[in-house]
PDB file of N, CA and C in Angstrom:
ATOM      1  N   MET A   1     126.069 101.866  79.580  1.00  0.00           N
ATOM      2  CA  MET A   1     125.086 103.419  79.637  1.00  0.00           C
ATOM      3  C   MET A   1     125.161 103.207  81.313  1.00  0.00           C
ATOM      4  N   LEU A   2     125.525 104.506  81.899  1.00  0.00           N
ATOM      5  CA  LEU A   2     125.654 103.840  82.419  1.00  0.00           C
ATOM      6  C   LEU A   2     124.017 104.867  83.877  1.00  0.00           C
ATOM      7  N   ALA A   3     124.043 104.867  84.820  1.00  0.00           N
ATOM      8  CA  ALA A   3     122.764 104.564  85.722  1.00  0.00           C
ATOM      9  C   ALA A   3     122.804 104.103  87.261  1.00  0.00           C
ATOM     10  N   ARG A   4     122.032 104.600  87.399  1.00  0.00           N
ATOM     11  CA  ARG A   4     121.618 104.823  88.695  1.00  0.00           C
ATOM     12  C   ARG A   4     120.437 105.356  89.287  1.00  0.00           C
ATOM     13  N   LEU A   5     120.429 104.307  90.641  1.00  0.00           N
ATOM     14  CA  LEU A   5     118.515 105.018  91.402  1.00  0.00           C
ATOM     15  C   LEU A   5     119.278 106.007  91.920  1.00  0.00           C
ATOM     16  N   LYS A   6     117.911 106.386  90.846  1.00  0.00           N
ATOM     17  CA  LYS A   6     116.985 107.834  92.167  1.00  0.00           C
ATOM     18  C   LYS A   6     117.560 107.520  93.832  1.00  0.00           C
ATOM     19  N   ASP A   7     118.241 108.613  94.709  1.00  0.00           N
ATOM     20  CA  ASP A   7     118.079 108.687  96.073  1.00  0.00           C
ATOM     21  C   ASP A   7     117.117 107.637  96.541  1.00  0.00           C
ATOM     22  N   LYS A   8     115.599 108.750  96.403  1.00  0.00           N
ATOM     23  CA  LYS A   8     115.190 107.939  97.469  1.00  0.00           C
ATOM     24  C   LYS A   8     115.180 106.085  97.048  1.00  0.00           C
ATOM     25  N   HIS A   9     115.565 105.428  96.157  1.00  0.00           N
ATOM     26  CA  HIS A   9     115.546 103.952  96.429  1.00  0.00           C
ATOM     27  C   HIS A   9     117.135 103.496  96.286  1.00  0.00           C
ATOM     28  N   ARG A  10     117.444 104.510  96.501  1.00  0.00           N
ATOM     29  CA  ARG A  10     119.241 103.550  97.187  1.00  0.00           C
ATOM     30  C   ARG A  10     118.926 102.839  98.573  1.00  0.00           C
ATOM     31  N   HIS A  11     118.362 103.145  99.850  1.00  0.00           N
ATOM     32  CA  HIS A  11     118.908 102.162 100.427  1.00  0.00           C
ATOM     33  C   HIS A  11     118.353 100.747 100.318  1.00  0.00           C
ATOM     34  N   LEU A  12     118.245 100.198  99.461  1.00  0.00           N
ATOM     35  CA  LEU A  12     118.040  98.870  98.875  1.00  0.00           C
ATOM     36  C   LEU A  12     119.842  97.823  97.943  1.00  0.00           C
ATOM     37  N   ILE A  13     120.184  99.153  97.834  1.00  0.00           N
ATOM     38  CA  ILE A  13     121.526  98.859  97.735  1.00  0.00           C
ATOM     39  C   ILE A  13     121.911  97.576  98.517  1.00  0.00           C
ATOM     40  N   GLU A  14     122.471  98.172 100.036  1.00  0.00           N
ATOM     41  CA  GLU A  14     122.919  97.387 100.767  1.00  0.00           C
ATOM     42  C   GLU A  14     122.533  95.333 101.256  1.00  0.00           C
ATOM     43  N   PRO A  15     121.402  95.984 101.493  1.00  0.00           N
ATOM     44  CA  PRO A  15     120.790  94.521 101.125  1.00  0.00           C
ATOM     45  C   PRO A  15     120.365  94.276 100.064  1.00  0.00           C
ATOM     46  N   ILE A  16     121.081  94.697  98.805  1.00  0.00           N
ATOM     47  CA  ILE A  16     120.709  93.911  97.494  1.00  0.00           C
ATOM     48  C   ILE A  16     122.163  93.273  97.237  1.00  0.00           C
ATOM     49  N   MET A  17     123.094  93.770  97.865  1.00  0.00           N
ATOM     50  CA  MET A  17     125.220  93.297  97.628  1.00  0.00           C
ATOM     51  C   MET A  17     124.229  92.354  99.036  1.00  0.00           C
ATOM     52  N   ARG A  18     123.939  92.342  99.783  1.00  0.00           N
ATOM     53  CA  ARG A  18     124.480  91.620 100.672  1.00  0.00           C
ATOM     54  C   ARG A  18     123.374  90.134 100.158  1.00  0.00           C
ATOM     55  N   PHE A  19     122.592  90.489  99.865  1.00  0.00           N
ATOM     56  CA  PHE A  19     121.409  89.557  99.262  1.00  0.00           C
ATOM     57  C   PHE A  19     122.670  88.216  97.796  1.00  0.00           C
ATOM     58  N   SER A  20     123.009  88.992  96.865  1.00  0.00           N
ATOM     59  CA  SER A  20     123.615  88.694  96.069  1.00  0.00           C
ATOM     60  C   SER A  20     125.183  87.576  96.142  1.00  0.00           C
ATOM     61  N   LYS A  21     124.914  87.283  97.043  1.00  0.00           N
ATOM     62  CA  LYS A  21     126.572  86.576  97.773  1.00  0.00           C
ATOM     63  C   LYS A  21     126.386  85.489  98.078  1.00  0.00           C
ATOM     64  N   SER A  22     124.898  85.519  98.462  1.00  0.00           N
ATOM     65  CA  SER A  22     123.934  83.961  97.977  1.00  0.00           C
ATOM     66  C   SER A  22     123.890  83.067  97.243  1.00  0.00           C
ATOM     67  N   LEU A  23     123.940  83.916  96.097  1.00  0.00           N
ATOM     68  CA  LEU A  23     123.362  83.599  94.472  1.00  0.00           C
ATOM     69  C   LEU A  23     125.023  83.561  94.061  1.00  0.00           C
ATOM     70  N   ARG A  24     125.657  83.158  94.545  1.00  0.00           N
ATOM     71  CA  ARG A  24     126.857  83.140  93.346  1.00  0.00           C
ATOM     72  C   ARG A  24     126.975  81.504  93.143  1.00  0.00           C
ATOM     73  N   ASN A  25     127.199  80.970  93.512  1.00  0.00           N
ATOM     74  CA  ASN A  25     126.792  79.475  92.579  1.00  0.00           C
ATOM     75  C   ASN A  25     125.853  78.843  92.530  1.00  0.00           C
ATOM     76  N   ILE A  26     124.744  80.205  91.959  1.00  0.00           N
ATOM     77  CA  ILE A  26     123.190  79.622  90.857  1.00  0.00           C
ATOM     78  C   ILE A  26     124.147  79.730  89.397  1.00  0.00           C
ATOM     79  N   PRO A  27     124.110  78.652  88.898  1.00  0.00           N
ATOM     80  CA  PRO A  27     124.012  78.642  87.732  1.00  0.00           C
ATOM     81  C   PRO A  27     123.246  79.619  86.563  1.00  0.00           C
ATOM     82  N   TYR A  28     123.916  79.714  85.532  1.00  0.00           N
ATOM     83  CA  TYR A  28     123.703  81.384  84.633  1.00  0.00           C
ATOM     84  C   TYR A  28     122.388  80.313  83.381  1.00  0.00           C
ATOM     85  N   ASP A  29     121.442  81.483  83.617  1.00  0.00           N
ATOM     86  CA  ASP A  29     119.827  80.376  82.455  1.00  0.00           C
ATOM     87  C   ASP A  29     119.810  81.018  81.223  1.00  0.00           C
ATOM     88  N   GLU A  30     120.118  79.769  80.763  1.00  0.00           N
ATOM     89  CA  GLU A  30     120.749  79.637  79.341  1.00  0.00           C
ATOM     90  C   GLU A  30     119.417  79.555  77.998  1.00  0.00           C
ATOM     91  N   LEU A  31     118.366  78.894  79.125  1.00  0.00           N
ATOM     92  CA  LEU A  31     117.000  79.269  78.233  1.00  0.00           C
ATOM     93  C   LEU A  31     116.370  80.215  78.239  1.00  0.00           C
ATOM     94  N   TYR A  32     116.982  81.689  79.435  1.00  0.00           N
ATOM     95  CA  TYR A  32     116.275  82.618  79.249  1.00  0.00           C
ATOM     96  C   TYR A  32     114.441  82.818  80.686  1.00  0.00           C
ATOM     97  N   LEU A  33     114.437  81.696  80.921  1.00  0.00           N
ATOM     98  CA  LEU A  33     112.823  81.063  81.630  1.00  0.00           C
ATOM     99  C   LEU A  33     112.902  81.301  83.138  1.00  0.00           C
ATOM    100  N   SER A  34     111.724  81.937  83.741  1.00  0.00           N
ATOM    101  CA  SER A  34     112.298  82.471  84.649  1.00  0.00           C
ATOM    102  C   SER A  34     111.617  81.542  85.935  1.00  0.00           C
ATOM    103  N   HIS A  35     112.030  81.423  86.924  1.00  0.00           N
ATOM    104  CA  HIS A  35     111.200  80.029  88.378  1.00  0.00           C
ATOM    105  C   HIS A  35     112.056  79.088  88.003  1.00  0.00           C
ATOM    106  N   ASN A  36     112.900  79.084  86.800  1.00  0.00           N
ATOM    107  CA  ASN A  36     113.805  77.824  87.299  1.00  0.00           C
ATOM    108  C   ASN A  36     115.565  77.686  88.143  1.00  0.00           C
ATOM    109  N   TYR A  37     115.696  76.856  88.079  1.00  0.00           N
ATOM    110  CA  TYR A  37     117.134  76.823  89.338  1.00  0.00           C
ATOM    111  C   TYR A  37     117.923  77.598  89.212  1.00  0.00           C
ATOM    112  N   ALA A  38     117.885  78.072  87.659  1.00  0.00           N
ATOM    113  CA  ALA A  38     119.162  79.285  87.043  1.00  0.00           C
ATOM    114  C   ALA A  38     118.641  80.856  86.291  1.00  0.00           C
ATOM    115  N   LEU A  39     119.552  81.993  86.511  1.00  0.00           N
ATOM    116  CA  LEU A  39     119.613  83.252  86.733  1.00  0.00           C
ATOM    117  C   LEU A  39     120.383  83.719  85.476  1.00  0.00           C
ATOM    118  N   TYR A  40     119.332  84.781  84.453  1.00  0.00           N
ATOM    119  CA  TYR A  40     120.144  85.148  83.891  1.00  0.00           C
ATOM    120  C   TYR A  40     120.214  86.100  83.791  1.00  0.00           C
ATOM    121  N   CYS A  41     120.719  87.304  83.097  1.00  0.00           N
ATOM    122  CA  CYS A  41     121.469  88.868  83.779  1.00  0.00           C
ATOM    123  C   CYS A  41     120.851  90.025  84.382  1.00  0.00           C
ATOM    124  N   SER A  42     119.091  89.809  83.805  1.00  0.00           N
ATOM    125  CA  SER A  42     117.763  90.912  83.977  1.00  0.00           C
ATOM    126  C   SER A  42     117.407  90.005  84.836  1.00  0.00           C
ATOM    127  N   GLU A  43     117.176  88.668  84.321  1.00  0.00           N
ATOM    128  CA  GLU A  43     116.495  88.112  86.001  1.00  0.00           C
ATOM    129  C   GLU A  43     117.611  87.959  87.247  1.00  0.00           C
ATOM    130  N   LEU A  44     119.065  88.122  87.862  1.00  0.00           N
ATOM    131  CA  LEU A  44     119.556  88.390  88.405  1.00  0.00           C
ATOM    132  C   LEU A  44     118.941  89.745  89.405  1.00  0.00           C
ATOM    133  N   VAL A  45     118.731  90.331  88.573  1.00  0.00           N
ATOM    134  CA  VAL A  45     119.031  92.251  88.866  1.00  0.00           C
ATOM    135  C   VAL A  45     117.353  91.965  89.546  1.00  0.00           C
ATOM    136  N   VAL A  46     116.545  91.271  88.634  1.00  0.00           N
ATOM    137  CA  VAL A  46     115.053  91.503  89.124  1.00  0.00           C
ATOM    138  C   VAL A  46     114.629  90.865  90.564  1.00  0.00           C
ATOM    139  N   ALA A  47     115.383  89.721  90.886  1.00  0.00           N
ATOM    140  CA  ALA A  47     115.693  88.628  91.739  1.00  0.00           C
ATOM    141  C   ALA A  47     116.422  89.608  92.461  1.00  0.00           C
ATOM    142  N   MET A  48     117.098  89.894  92.916  1.00  0.00           N
ATOM    143  CA  MET A  48     117.831  90.914  93.690  1.00  0.00           C
ATOM    144  C   MET A  48     117.112  92.443  93.861  1.00  0.00           C
ATOM    145  N   PHE A  49     117.066  92.641  92.834  1.00  0.00           N
ATOM    146  CA  PHE A  49     115.965  93.946  93.585  1.00  0.00           C
ATOM    147  C   PHE A  49     114.262  93.548  94.891  1.00  0.00           C
ATOM    148  N   ARG A  50     113.656  92.397  93.893  1.00  0.00           N
ATOM    149  CA  ARG A  50     112.915  92.256  94.767  1.00  0.00           C
ATOM    150  C   ARG A  50     112.804  91.880  96.572  1.00  0.00           C
ATOM    151  N   HIS A  51     114.153  90.563  96.005  1.00  0.00           N
ATOM    152  CA  HIS A  51     114.316  90.113  97.869  1.00  0.00           C
ATOM    153  C   HIS A  51     114.995  91.606  98.468  1.00  0.00           C
ATOM    154  N   ALA A  52     115.364  92.537  97.984  1.00  0.00           N
ATOM    155  CA  ALA A  52     115.897  93.761  98.818  1.00  0.00           C
ATOM    156  C   ALA A  52     114.328  94.249  99.194  1.00  0.00           C
ATOM    157  N   ASN A  53     113.647  94.506  97.894  1.00  0.00           N
ATOM    158  CA  ASN A  53     111.957  95.507  98.268  1.00  0.00           C
ATOM    159  C   ASN A  53     111.235  94.708  99.184  1.00  0.00           C
ATOM    160  N   GLY A  54     111.600  93.201  99.903  1.00  0.00           N
ATOM    161  CA  GLY A  54     110.806  93.308 100.963  1.00  0.00           C
ATOM    162  C   GLY A  54     109.691  91.923 100.297  1.00  0.00           C
ATOM    163  N   GLY A  55     110.351  91.193  98.910  1.00  0.00           N
ATOM    164  CA  GLY A  55     109.736  90.352  98.789  1.00  0.00           C
ATOM    165  C   GLY A  55     108.615  90.711  97.183  1.00  0.00           C
ATOM    166  N   THR A  56     108.440  92.635  97.655  1.00  0.00           N
ATOM    167  CA  THR A  56     107.864  93.381  96.225  1.00  0.00           C
ATOM    168  C   THR A  56     108.551  93.512  94.780  1.00  0.00           C
ATOM    169  N   PRO A  57     107.811  92.756  93.989  1.00  0.00           N
ATOM    170  CA  PRO A  57     108.537  93.343  92.759  1.00  0.00           C
ATOM    171  C   PRO A  57     108.768  94.449  92.877  1.00  0.00           C
ATOM    172  N   PHE A  58     109.866  94.991  92.199  1.00  0.00           N
ATOM    173  CA  PHE A  58     110.697  96.631  92.240  1.00  0.00           C
ATOM    174  C   PHE A  58     110.801  97.156  89.797  1.00  0.00           C
ATOM    175  N   PHE A  59     111.309  95.286  90.001  1.00  0.00           N
ATOM    176  CA  PHE A  59     111.779  96.233  88.175  1.00  0.00           C
ATOM    177  C   PHE A  59     110.473  95.034  87.579  1.00  0.00           C
ATOM    178  N   LYS A  60     109.672  95.067  87.211  1.00  0.00           N
ATOM    179  CA  LYS A  60     108.233  94.086  87.046  1.00  0.00           C
ATOM    180  C   LYS A  60     108.688  93.050  85.590  1.00  0.00           C
ATOM    181  N   GLU A  61     108.698  92.317  85.389  1.00  0.00           N
ATOM    182  CA  GLU A  61     108.545  91.260  84.048  1.00  0.00           C
ATOM    183  C   GLU A  61     107.254  91.752  83.301  1.00  0.00           C
ATOM    184  N   ALA A  62     107.935  90.429  82.576  1.00  0.00           N
ATOM    185  CA  ALA A  62     106.802  91.361  80.841  1.00  0.00           C
ATOM    186  C   ALA A  62     107.113  90.148  80.936  1.00  0.00           C
ATOM    187  N   PRO A  63     105.547  89.922  79.044  1.00  0.00           N
ATOM    188  CA  PRO A  63     105.978  88.793  78.815  1.00  0.00           C
ATOM    189  C   PRO A  63     107.150  88.883  77.461  1.00  0.00           C
ATOM    190  N   MET A  64     107.920  88.166  77.347  1.00  0.00           N
ATOM    191  CA  MET A  64     108.911  88.376  76.829  1.00  0.00           C
ATOM    192  C   MET A  64     108.855  87.957  74.582  1.00  0.00           C
ATOM    193  N   SER A  65     109.765  88.645  74.494  1.00  0.00           N
ATOM    194  CA  SER A  65     109.010  88.733  72.427  1.00  0.00           C
ATOM    195  C   SER A  65     110.425  88.033  71.952  1.00  0.00           C
ATOM    196  N   PHE A  66     110.234  86.920  71.594  1.00  0.00           N
ATOM    197  CA  PHE A  66     111.506  86.513  70.215  1.00  0.00           C
ATOM    198  C   PHE A  66     110.861  86.627  68.767  1.00  0.00           C
ATOM    199  N   ARG A  67     110.132  87.564  68.551  1.00  0.00           N
ATOM    200  CA  ARG A  67     109.676  88.109  67.528  1.00  0.00           C
ATOM    201  C   ARG A  67     109.833  88.718  66.460  1.00  0.00           C
ATOM    202  N   ASP A  68     110.046  88.796  64.913  1.00  0.00           N
ATOM    203  CA  ASP A  68     110.788  89.172  64.218  1.00  0.00           C
ATOM    204  C   ASP A  68     108.998  90.407  64.120  1.00  0.00           C
ATOM    205  N   LEU A  69     109.755  91.912  64.642  1.00  0.00           N
ATOM    206  CA  LEU A  69     108.639  93.141  63.686  1.00  0.00           C
ATOM    207  C   LEU A  69     108.565  93.489  62.134  1.00  0.00           C
ATOM    208  N   ALA A  70     108.790  92.907  61.561  1.00  0.00           N
ATOM    209  CA  ALA A  70     108.378  92.888  60.083  1.00  0.00           C
ATOM    210  C   ALA A  70     107.257  91.905  60.339  1.00  0.00           C
ATOM    211  N   THR A  71     107.521  90.432  60.411  1.00  0.00           N
ATOM    212  CA  THR A  71     106.779  89.183  59.834  1.00  0.00           C
ATOM    213  C   THR A  71     106.054  88.902  61.151  1.00  0.00           C
ATOM    214  N   GLY A  72     105.945  89.072  62.413  1.00  0.00           N
ATOM    215  CA  GLY A  72     105.391  88.480  63.262  1.00  0.00           C
ATOM    216  C   GLY A  72     105.812  87.435  64.110  1.00  0.00           C
ATOM    217  N   ARG A  73     106.494  86.774  63.702  1.00  0.00           N
ATOM    218  CA  ARG A  73     106.545  85.386  63.247  1.00  0.00           C
ATOM    219  C   ARG A  73     108.269  85.345  64.400  1.00  0.00           C
ATOM    220  N   PRO A  74     107.980  84.267  64.892  1.00  0.00           N
ATOM    221  CA  PRO A  74     109.921  84.070  65.855  1.00  0.00           C
ATOM    222  C   PRO A  74     110.445  83.888  64.875  1.00  0.00           C
ATOM    223  N   HIS A  75     112.207  85.025  65.510  1.00  0.00           N
ATOM    224  CA  HIS A  75     112.879  84.397  64.484  1.00  0.00           C
ATOM    225  C   HIS A  75     114.083  83.265  64.614  1.00  0.00           C
ATOM    226  N   GLN A  76     114.272  82.783  63.434  1.00  0.00           N
ATOM    227  CA  GLN A  76     114.666  81.893  63.075  1.00  0.00           C
ATOM    228  C   GLN A  76     116.168  81.245  64.088  1.00  0.00           C
ATOM    229  N   THR A  77     116.657  82.109  63.854  1.00  0.00           N
ATOM    230  CA  THR A  77     117.863  81.867  65.290  1.00  0.00           C
ATOM    231  C   THR A  77     117.341  81.640  66.219  1.00  0.00           C
ATOM    232  N   TRP A  78     116.042  82.270  66.914  1.00  0.00           N
ATOM    233  CA  TRP A  78     115.533  82.071  68.739  1.00  0.00           C
ATOM    234  C   TRP A  78     114.992  80.428  68.225  1.00  0.00           C
ATOM    235  N   ILE A  79     114.420  79.856  66.616  1.00  0.00           N
ATOM    236  CA  ILE A  79     113.454  78.252  66.945  1.00  0.00           C
ATOM    237  C   ILE A  79     114.882  77.162  67.126  1.00  0.00           C
ATOM    238  N   ASP A  80     115.791  78.393  66.347  1.00  0.00           N
ATOM    239  CA  ASP A  80     116.952  76.648  66.014  1.00  0.00           C
ATOM    240  C   ASP A  80     117.837  76.596  67.998  1.00  0.00           C
ATOM    241  N   TYR A  81     117.203  77.796  68.241  1.00  0.00           N
ATOM    242  CA  TYR A  81     118.627  77.703  69.876  1.00  0.00           C
ATOM    243  C   TYR A  81     117.280  76.999  70.345  1.00  0.00           C
ATOM    244  N   TYR A  82     116.858  77.160  70.505  1.00  0.00           N
ATOM    245  CA  TYR A  82     115.444  76.275  71.365  1.00  0.00           C
ATOM    246  C   TYR A  82     114.738  74.625  70.996  1.00  0.00           C
ATOM    247  N   ALA A  83     115.601  74.602  69.228  1.00  0.00           N
ATOM    248  CA  ALA A  83     115.026  73.466  69.271  1.00  0.00           C
ATOM    249  C   ALA A  83     116.164  72.605  69.806  1.00  0.00           C
ATOM    250  N   TYR A  84     117.671  73.218  69.595  1.00  0.00           N
ATOM    251  CA  TYR A  84     119.541  72.459  70.416  1.00  0.00           C
ATOM    252  C   TYR A  84     118.750  71.779  71.680  1.00  0.00           C
ATOM    253  N   PHE A  85     117.685  73.349  72.142  1.00  0.00           N
ATOM    254  CA  PHE A  85     117.232  72.704  74.317  1.00  0.00           C
ATOM    255  C   PHE A  85     115.948  71.833  73.820  1.00  0.00           C
ATOM    256  N   GLY A  86     115.438  71.202  72.319  1.00  0.00           N
ATOM    257  CA  GLY A  86     114.619  70.219  72.661  1.00  0.00           C
ATOM    258  C   GLY A  86     113.755  71.081  73.530  1.00  0.00           C
ATOM    259  N   ILE A  87     113.108  72.285  73.122  1.00  0.00           N
ATOM    260  CA  ILE A  87     111.893  73.162  73.440  1.00  0.00           C
ATOM    261  C   ILE A  87     110.855  73.676  72.269  1.00  0.00           C
ATOM    262  N   ASP A  88     109.947  74.266  72.691  1.00  0.00           N
ATOM    263  CA  ASP A  88     109.723  75.209  71.624  1.00  0.00           C
ATOM    264  C   ASP A  88     109.894  76.833  72.221  1.00  0.00           C
ATOM    265  N   VAL A  89     110.330  77.931  71.656  1.00  0.00           N
ATOM    266  CA  VAL A  89     110.626  78.909  72.153  1.00  0.00           C
ATOM    267  C   VAL A  89     109.639  79.912  72.843  1.00  0.00           C
ATOM    268  N   PRO A  90     110.550  80.573  74.213  1.00  0.00           N
ATOM    269  CA  PRO A  90     108.958  79.883  74.990  1.00  0.00           C
ATOM    270  C   PRO A  90     108.268  82.232  74.758  1.00  0.00           C
ATOM    271  N   GLU A  91     107.652  82.413  73.884  1.00  0.00           N
ATOM    272  CA  GLU A  91     107.254  83.117  73.258  1.00  0.00           C
ATOM    273  C   GLU A  91     106.085  83.793  74.068  1.00  0.00           C
ATOM    274  N   GLY A  92     105.886  84.680  74.954  1.00  0.00           N
ATOM    275  CA  GLY A  92     105.003  85.633  76.150  1.00  0.00           C
ATOM    276  C   GLY A  92     105.124  85.051  77.173  1.00  0.00           C
ATOM    277  N   GLU A  93     106.510  83.750  77.429  1.00  0.00           N
ATOM    278  CA  GLU A  93     106.485  83.836  79.176  1.00  0.00           C
ATOM    279  C   GLU A  93     106.970  85.339  79.703  1.00  0.00           C
ATOM    280  N   PRO A  94     106.482  85.408  81.200  1.00  0.00           N
ATOM    281  CA  PRO A  94     107.547  86.272  82.100  1.00  0.00           C
ATOM    282  C   PRO A  94     108.976  85.747  81.621  1.00  0.00           C
ATOM    283  N   GLY A  95     109.351  87.622  81.426  1.00  0.00           N
ATOM    284  CA  GLY A  95     110.979  87.933  81.346  1.00  0.00           C
ATOM    285  C   GLY A  95     111.435  89.071  82.074  1.00  0.00           C
ATOM    286  N   SER A  96     112.634  88.861  81.234  1.00  0.00           N
ATOM    287  CA  SER A  96     113.201  90.822  82.116  1.00  0.00           C
ATOM    288  C   SER A  96     114.148  90.927  80.654  1.00  0.00           C
ATOM    289  N   ASN A  97     114.815  92.075  80.155  1.00  0.00           N
ATOM    290  CA  ASN A  97     115.926  92.154  79.755  1.00  0.00           C
ATOM    291  C   ASN A  97     116.342  93.729  80.245  1.00  0.00           C
ATOM    292  N   PRO A  98     117.438  93.998  79.654  1.00  0.00           N
ATOM    293  CA  PRO A  98     118.396  95.171  80.085  1.00  0.00           C
ATOM    294  C   PRO A  98     117.360  95.747  79.816  1.00  0.00           C
ATOM    295  N   ASP A  99     117.197  96.498  78.519  1.00  0.00           N
ATOM    296  CA  ASP A  99     116.326  97.521  77.727  1.00  0.00           C
ATOM    297  C   ASP A  99     115.233  97.728  78.977  1.00  0.00           C
ATOM    298  N   ALA A 100     114.160  97.347  78.976  1.00  0.00           N
ATOM    299  CA  ALA A 100     113.655  97.156  79.569  1.00  0.00           C
ATOM    300  C   ALA A 100     113.845  98.199  80.673  1.00  0.00           C
ATOM    301  N   ILE A 101     114.540  97.582  82.001  1.00  0.00           N
ATOM    302  CA  ILE A 101     115.150  97.533  83.316  1.00  0.00           C
ATOM    303  C   ILE A 101     116.115  98.893  83.290  1.00  0.00           C
ATOM    304  N   SER A 102     116.075  99.259  81.815  1.00  0.00           N
ATOM    305  CA  SER A 102     116.846 100.620  81.927  1.00  0.00           C
ATOM    306  C   SER A 102     116.195 101.975  81.736  1.00  0.00           C
ATOM    307  N   ARG A 103     114.665 101.695  81.045  1.00  0.00           N
ATOM    308  CA  ARG A 103     114.336 102.472  81.173  1.00  0.00           C
ATOM    309  C   ARG A 103     112.846 102.837  82.352  1.00  0.00           C
ATOM    310  N   ASP A 104     113.582 102.310  83.381  1.00  0.00           N
ATOM    311  CA  ASP A 104     112.811 102.617  84.455  1.00  0.00           C
ATOM    312  C   ASP A 104     112.704 103.483  85.307  1.00  0.00           C
ATOM    313  N   ASP A 105     111.824 104.303  85.093  1.00  0.00           N
ATOM    314  CA  ASP A 105     112.146 105.917  86.214  1.00  0.00           C
ATOM    315  C   ASP A 105     112.069 106.238  87.110  1.00  0.00           C
ATOM    316  N   ARG A 106     112.819 105.270  87.626  1.00  0.00           N
ATOM    317  CA  ARG A 106     113.462 104.540  89.108  1.00  0.00           C
ATOM    318  C   ARG A 106     115.132 105.073  89.187  1.00  0.00           C
ATOM    319  N   LEU A 107     115.358 105.119  87.563  1.00  0.00           N
ATOM    320  CA  LEU A 107     116.867 105.082  87.550  1.00  0.00           C
ATOM    321  C   LEU A 107     117.016 106.715  87.022  1.00  0.00           C
ATOM    322  N   ASN A 108     118.427 106.729  87.396  1.00  0.00           N
ATOM    323  CA  ASN A 108     118.961 108.311  86.734  1.00  0.00           C
ATOM    324  C   ASN A 108     119.639 108.038  85.734  1.00  0.00           C
ATOM    325  N   VAL A 109     120.030 108.080  84.568  1.00  0.00           N
ATOM    326  CA  VAL A 109     120.997 108.329  83.111  1.00  0.00           C
ATOM    327  C   VAL A 109     121.967 108.381  83.365  1.00  0.00           C
ATOM    328  N   TYR A 110     123.386 109.094  83.200  1.00  0.00           N
ATOM    329  CA  TYR A 110     123.954 110.076  83.337  1.00  0.00           C
ATOM    330  C   TYR A 110     124.934 109.784  81.985  1.00  0.00           C
ATOM    331  N   LYS A 111     124.646 108.588  81.053  1.00  0.00           N
ATOM    332  CA  LYS A 111     125.762 108.844  80.789  1.00  0.00           C
ATOM    333  C   LYS A 111     125.583 108.006  78.964  1.00  0.00           C
ATOM    334  N   THR A 112     125.759 107.506  77.993  1.00  0.00           N
ATOM    335  CA  THR A 112     125.768 106.536  77.174  1.00  0.00           C
ATOM    336  C   THR A 112     126.593 106.498  75.760  1.00  0.00           C
ATOM    337  N   ILE A 113     127.710 105.541  75.686  1.00  0.00           N
ATOM    338  CA  ILE A 113     127.630 105.294  74.647  1.00  0.00           C
ATOM    339  C   ILE A 113     127.520 104.530  73.563  1.00  0.00           C
ATOM    340  N   GLY A 114     128.025 105.632  72.195  1.00  0.00           N
ATOM    341  CA  GLY A 114     126.995 104.861  71.190  1.00  0.00           C
ATOM    342  C   GLY A 114     125.735 105.265  70.880  1.00  0.00           C
ATOM    343  N   GLN A 115     124.829 104.727  70.142  1.00  0.00           N
ATOM    344  CA  GLN A 115     123.850 105.315  69.991  1.00  0.00           C
ATOM    345  C   GLN A 115     122.799 104.219  70.235  1.00  0.00           C
ATOM    346  N   ILE A 116     121.859 103.858  71.147  1.00  0.00           N
ATOM    347  CA  ILE A 116     120.712 102.733  71.849  1.00  0.00           C
ATOM    348  C   ILE A 116     119.549 103.526  70.848  1.00  0.00           C
ATOM    349  N   PRO A 117     119.488 102.783  70.025  1.00  0.00           N
ATOM    350  CA  PRO A 117     117.378 103.221  69.420  1.00  0.00           C
ATOM    351  C   PRO A 117     116.603 103.394  70.394  1.00  0.00           C
ATOM    352  N   GLY A 118     115.042 104.457  70.705  1.00  0.00           N
ATOM    353  CA  GLY A 118     114.723 104.222  71.442  1.00  0.00           C
ATOM    354  C   GLY A 118     114.998 104.834  72.134  1.00  0.00           C
ATOM    355  N   LEU A 119     115.733 104.995  72.920  1.00  0.00           N
ATOM    356  CA  LEU A 119     115.925 105.883  74.134  1.00  0.00           C
ATOM    357  C   LEU A 119     115.170 107.033  74.571  1.00  0.00           C
ATOM    358  N   ARG A 120     115.002 106.945  76.569  1.00  0.00           N
ATOM    359  CA  ARG A 120     114.149 107.982  76.393  1.00  0.00           C
ATOM    360  C   ARG A 120     115.022 109.033  76.622  1.00  0.00           C
TER     361      ARG A 120
END
């Protein structure tokens, strides 16, 4: 998917780019947890936009779900994944994801490649 900020918000790009350089050595967050010293992909995007927006969240975090929609229980893959690290699946913890960010009304979507279920 190719999307760009709408013109009204493009002033954030320069501060985002400056701030991003300070984040180069922060490790990848393989646990997908907010508020630790590591960042996963969409968490990085959320952090950069929050910084550029004067500390006010731009893309909102929401409770994460690792559940199978059919059963309502966490997918076994996620149970096994988090068990490897000795922690429970962080169901309901705050987080972000590329899908939620891509649906933000402050973005113009220009192109998609392939089928994206539920695309606005």
